[in-house]
Amino acid sequence: MLSVRNLVVRYGQAVAVNGASLEVPEGAWVAIVGANGAGKSSLLRAIAGLVAHVGEVRLAGRNLAGAPAWTRQRLGLGFVPEGRQLFGAMSVEENLRAGGYSCAALELRRGLDQAFAMFPRLGERRRQIAATLSGGEQQMLALARALVPGPRLLLIDEISWGLMPLLVAQVFERLQALHAGGLTILQVEQNTREALRHAGHAYVMATGSIVIDGPAKQIARDPRVVESYVGA
């Protein structure tokens, strides 16, 4: 589904991602974990086409070189950004419609219906202003917005950010259901324990580079990962 080769992201003279390569097979759930500042979010944003980068990114065999973010979305790439980044002054439904801006009318209607079916609370609050939602509801909205166009691959950046443990568990349950339905997931997550518990494969980043990769359960037992990112 996704192949990344020697990807580099620079912000001025600073190198945020230094030659990262990874694979995401169709139907897989892959996690990227590591410390703050390791380059995880920059890697994801480069794949989504939101920051300038060099290196190769292929989606289902198609080279995305030079493709802007909206083209990548139309090709089946969904993105849930860190910090939700909702349109706070717009309603729940308006945010969802913004997520489906590239859809034809029938596809948009289908996407909205599916979003409200999956997240009934959003349906109850469809006219409520996004900024007035609780943190958990805002995270549901950010996830639902990315799902409206029906992506083949969902990129998720720090979905547990700012949520209480109970809400984190609920969000991961939703992701588990989506994955069971066939959605391919590439997730950046600071909650290493939860990410490795759900993912099938994982990459560990440090100072802009991928330093470890392998089956998630194996990485969860790696002494280096346990000491640095998981804890006892």
Protein backbone atom coordinates (compact mmCIF):
# COMPACT_ATOMS: atom_id res chain seq x y z
CA MET A 1 0.00 0.00 0.00
CA LEU A 2 2.75 2.46 0.96
CA SER A 3 6.46 2.44 0.24
CA VAL A 4 8.80 5.17 1.49
CA ARG A 5 12.47 5.27 0.44
CA ASN A 6 15.23 7.53 1.78
CA LEU A 7 12.87 10.31 2.81
CA VAL A 8 14.48 13.51 4.05
CA VAL A 9 12.74 16.52 5.62
CA ARG A 10 14.61 19.74 6.40
CA TYR A 11 13.45 22.91 8.11
CA GLY A 12 16.10 25.37 7.05
CA GLN A 13 19.42 23.87 8.16
CA ALA A 14 17.78 21.47 10.61
CA VAL A 15 17.24 17.89 9.44
CA ALA A 16 14.01 16.50 10.93
CA VAL A 17 13.93 13.23 8.97
CA ASN A 18 17.18 11.72 7.76
CA GLY A 19 16.82 9.06 5.08
CA ALA A 20 13.85 7.14 6.53
CA SER A 21 12.47 4.09 4.69
CA LEU A 22 9.42 2.00 5.56
CA GLU A 23 6.75 -0.28 4.11
CA VAL A 24 3.04 -0.53 4.94
CA PRO A 25 1.40 -3.60 3.38
CA GLU A 26 -2.26 -3.41 2.40
CA GLY A 27 -4.50 -4.17 5.37
CA ALA A 28 -1.68 -3.71 7.91
CA TRP A 29 -1.54 -1.60 11.06
CA VAL A 30 1.92 -0.10 11.40
CA ALA A 31 3.09 2.12 14.27
CA ILE A 32 5.93 4.64 14.42
CA VAL A 33 7.10 5.30 17.98
CA GLY A 34 9.92 7.24 19.59
CA ALA A 35 10.70 10.24 21.74
CA ASN A 36 9.43 13.76 21.19
CA GLY A 37 11.47 15.46 18.48
CA ALA A 38 12.50 12.19 16.84
CA GLY A 39 10.95 13.22 13.50
CA LYS A 40 7.82 11.04 13.64
CA SER A 41 5.30 13.76 12.86
CA SER A 42 7.49 15.28 10.16
CA LEU A 43 7.72 11.87 8.49
CA LEU A 44 3.94 11.49 8.51
CA ARG A 45 3.34 15.03 7.27
CA ALA A 46 5.79 14.47 4.42
CA ILE A 47 3.93 11.32 3.36
CA ALA A 48 0.69 13.34 3.45
CA GLY A 49 2.27 16.03 1.25
CA LEU A 50 2.11 18.74 3.90
CA VAL A 51 5.84 19.51 4.14
CA ALA A 52 8.55 19.65 1.51
CA HIS A 53 10.69 16.52 1.28
CA VAL A 54 13.03 14.55 -0.91
CA GLY A 55 13.00 10.81 -1.37
CA GLU A 56 10.42 8.44 -2.81
CA VAL A 57 6.85 7.98 -1.60
CA ARG A 58 4.66 5.44 -3.43
CA LEU A 59 1.00 4.78 -2.75
CA ALA A 60 -0.26 1.50 -4.25
CA GLY A 61 2.69 1.62 -6.65
CA ARG A 62 2.12 5.22 -7.76
CA ASN A 63 4.98 7.64 -7.28
CA LEU A 64 3.69 10.70 -5.41
CA ALA A 65 6.65 12.92 -6.32
CA GLY A 66 5.42 16.50 -6.57
CA ALA A 67 1.81 15.56 -5.72
CA PRO A 68 0.17 18.10 -3.37
CA ALA A 69 -1.80 17.03 -0.32
CA TRP A 70 -5.22 17.28 -2.01
CA THR A 71 -4.08 14.97 -4.84
CA ARG A 72 -2.82 12.43 -2.29
CA GLN A 73 -6.19 12.56 -0.57
CA ARG A 74 -7.99 11.87 -3.85
CA LEU A 75 -5.70 8.88 -4.38
CA GLY A 76 -6.85 7.38 -1.06
CA LEU A 77 -4.62 8.92 1.61
CA GLY A 78 -6.42 10.10 4.76
CA PHE A 79 -4.77 12.12 7.54
CA VAL A 80 -5.69 12.73 11.18
CA PRO A 81 -3.33 15.53 12.29
CA GLU A 82 -1.76 16.02 15.69
CA GLY A 83 -3.82 18.37 17.84
CA ARG A 84 -6.97 17.65 15.74
CA GLN A 85 -6.74 20.97 13.82
CA LEU A 86 -10.48 21.35 13.45
CA PHE A 87 -12.20 24.43 12.08
CA GLY A 88 -13.25 25.59 15.53
CA ALA A 89 -15.81 28.21 14.43
CA MET A 90 -17.57 25.74 12.11
CA SER A 91 -20.16 23.14 13.05
CA VAL A 92 -19.54 19.41 13.31
CA GLU A 93 -21.23 18.81 9.97
CA GLU A 94 -19.34 21.65 8.28
CA ASN A 95 -16.05 20.12 9.45
CA LEU A 96 -17.07 16.76 8.03
CA ARG A 97 -18.09 18.33 4.73
CA ALA A 98 -14.71 20.06 4.58
CA GLY A 99 -13.07 16.64 4.92
CA GLY A 100 -15.05 15.45 1.91
CA TYR A 101 -14.48 18.51 -0.28
CA SER A 102 -13.11 16.37 -3.13
CA CYS A 103 -16.08 13.96 -3.11
CA ALA A 104 -18.96 13.93 -5.54
CA ALA A 105 -22.34 14.71 -3.95
CA LEU A 106 -23.39 11.06 -3.58
CA GLU A 107 -20.00 10.05 -2.14
CA LEU A 108 -20.13 12.93 0.33
CA ARG A 109 -23.63 11.93 1.47
CA ARG A 110 -22.46 8.36 1.95
CA GLY A 111 -19.40 9.53 3.87
CA LEU A 112 -21.48 11.72 6.17
CA ASP A 113 -23.97 8.94 6.83
CA GLN A 114 -21.16 6.53 7.69
CA ALA A 115 -19.51 9.09 9.98
CA PHE A 116 -22.72 9.67 11.93
CA ALA A 117 -23.39 5.93 12.10
CA MET A 118 -19.92 5.24 13.48
CA PHE A 119 -19.96 8.23 15.84
CA PRO A 120 -23.60 8.71 16.95
CA ARG A 121 -22.57 11.47 19.35
CA LEU A 122 -21.43 13.55 16.39
CA GLY A 123 -24.80 13.01 14.77
CA GLU A 124 -26.46 14.35 17.90
CA ARG A 125 -24.19 17.41 17.75
CA ARG A 126 -24.06 17.92 14.00
CA ARG A 127 -24.97 21.63 14.31
CA GLN A 128 -22.79 22.28 17.37
CA ILE A 129 -19.69 24.47 16.94
CA ALA A 130 -16.57 22.28 16.94
CA ALA A 131 -14.67 24.41 19.45
CA THR A 132 -17.37 23.76 22.07
CA LEU A 133 -17.02 19.96 21.93
CA SER A 134 -15.17 18.04 24.62
CA GLY A 135 -11.63 16.81 23.90
CA GLY A 136 -12.85 13.30 23.20
CA GLU A 137 -15.60 14.53 20.89
CA GLN A 138 -13.12 16.71 19.02
CA GLN A 139 -10.86 13.70 18.51
CA MET A 140 -13.83 11.70 17.20
CA LEU A 141 -14.57 14.54 14.79
CA ALA A 142 -10.97 14.72 13.56
CA LEU A 143 -11.02 10.97 12.90
CA ALA A 144 -14.46 11.06 11.26
CA ARG A 145 -13.43 13.98 9.03
CA ALA A 146 -10.50 11.95 7.67
CA LEU A 147 -12.79 8.99 7.00
CA VAL A 148 -15.47 10.86 5.02
CA PRO A 149 -13.74 10.45 1.61
CA GLY A 150 -13.24 6.70 2.23
CA PRO A 151 -9.43 6.50 2.39
CA ARG A 152 -7.50 3.34 1.59
CA LEU A 153 -4.67 4.30 3.95
CA LEU A 154 -5.17 6.36 7.11
CA LEU A 155 -2.26 8.33 8.57
CA ILE A 156 -2.82 9.11 12.27
CA ASP A 157 -0.64 11.52 14.23
CA GLU A 158 -0.84 11.31 18.05
CA ILE A 159 -4.50 10.39 18.34
CA SER A 160 -4.27 9.97 22.14
CA TRP A 161 -2.94 13.52 22.60
CA GLY A 162 -4.65 15.26 25.52
CA LEU A 163 -7.14 12.46 26.23
CA MET A 164 -7.87 10.73 29.52
CA PRO A 165 -6.99 6.99 29.67
CA LEU A 166 -10.62 5.90 29.31
CA LEU A 167 -11.03 7.96 26.15
CA VAL A 168 -7.72 6.66 24.80
CA ALA A 169 -9.03 3.12 25.16
CA GLN A 170 -12.25 4.07 23.36
CA VAL A 171 -10.38 5.70 20.48
CA PHE A 172 -8.19 2.63 20.01
CA GLU A 173 -11.30 0.45 20.03
CA ARG A 174 -12.64 2.52 17.13
CA LEU A 175 -9.38 2.14 15.26
CA GLN A 176 -9.46 -1.61 15.89
CA ALA A 177 -12.93 -1.80 14.35
CA LEU A 178 -11.83 0.22 11.32
CA HIS A 179 -8.79 -1.99 10.86
CA ALA A 180 -10.90 -5.13 11.17
CA GLY A 181 -13.03 -3.68 8.36
CA GLY A 182 -10.00 -3.59 6.07
CA LEU A 183 -8.56 -0.10 6.59
CA THR A 184 -4.77 0.17 6.36
CA ILE A 185 -3.28 2.29 9.18
CA LEU A 186 0.06 4.05 9.67
CA GLN A 187 0.12 5.59 13.13
CA VAL A 188 2.52 7.90 14.91
CA GLU A 189 1.91 7.62 18.64
CA GLN A 190 3.52 8.84 21.85
CA ASN A 191 1.56 6.26 23.84
CA THR A 192 4.02 3.53 22.94
CA ARG A 193 2.45 0.80 25.03
CA GLU A 194 -0.99 1.22 23.42
CA ALA A 195 0.39 1.59 19.89
CA LEU A 196 2.50 -1.57 20.13
CA ARG A 197 -0.39 -3.50 21.63
CA HIS A 198 -2.56 -2.89 18.56
CA ALA A 199 -0.12 -2.65 15.64
CA GLY A 200 1.22 -5.64 13.78
CA HIS A 201 4.55 -4.02 12.82
CA ALA A 202 6.43 -1.06 14.26
CA TYR A 203 9.28 1.31 13.55
CA VAL A 204 11.24 3.16 16.22
CA MET A 205 12.62 6.59 15.33
CA ALA A 206 15.43 8.52 17.01
CA THR A 207 17.01 11.80 15.87
CA GLY A 208 15.34 11.66 12.47
CA SER A 209 16.25 8.07 11.61
CA ILE A 210 14.55 4.70 11.92
CA VAL A 211 16.73 2.73 14.32
CA ILE A 212 14.64 -0.41 14.98
CA ASP A 213 11.84 -2.15 13.12
CA GLY A 214 10.06 -5.45 13.39
CA PRO A 215 6.89 -7.14 14.67
CA ALA A 216 5.20 -4.88 17.22
CA LYS A 217 5.02 -7.57 19.90
CA GLN A 218 8.74 -8.22 19.53
CA ILE A 219 9.58 -4.52 19.73
CA ALA A 220 7.37 -4.20 22.83
CA ARG A 221 9.72 -6.66 24.56
CA ASP A 222 12.95 -5.11 23.28
CA PRO A 223 14.90 -3.89 26.36
CA ARG A 224 15.95 -0.71 24.57
CA VAL A 225 12.35 0.19 23.76
CA VAL A 226 11.02 -0.80 27.18
CA GLU A 227 13.63 1.29 28.98
CA SER A 228 13.28 4.36 26.77
CA TYR A 229 9.61 4.48 25.77
CA VAL A 230 7.41 1.94 27.56
CA GLY A 231 8.53 1.70 31.17
CA ALA A 232 7.84 -1.09 33.63
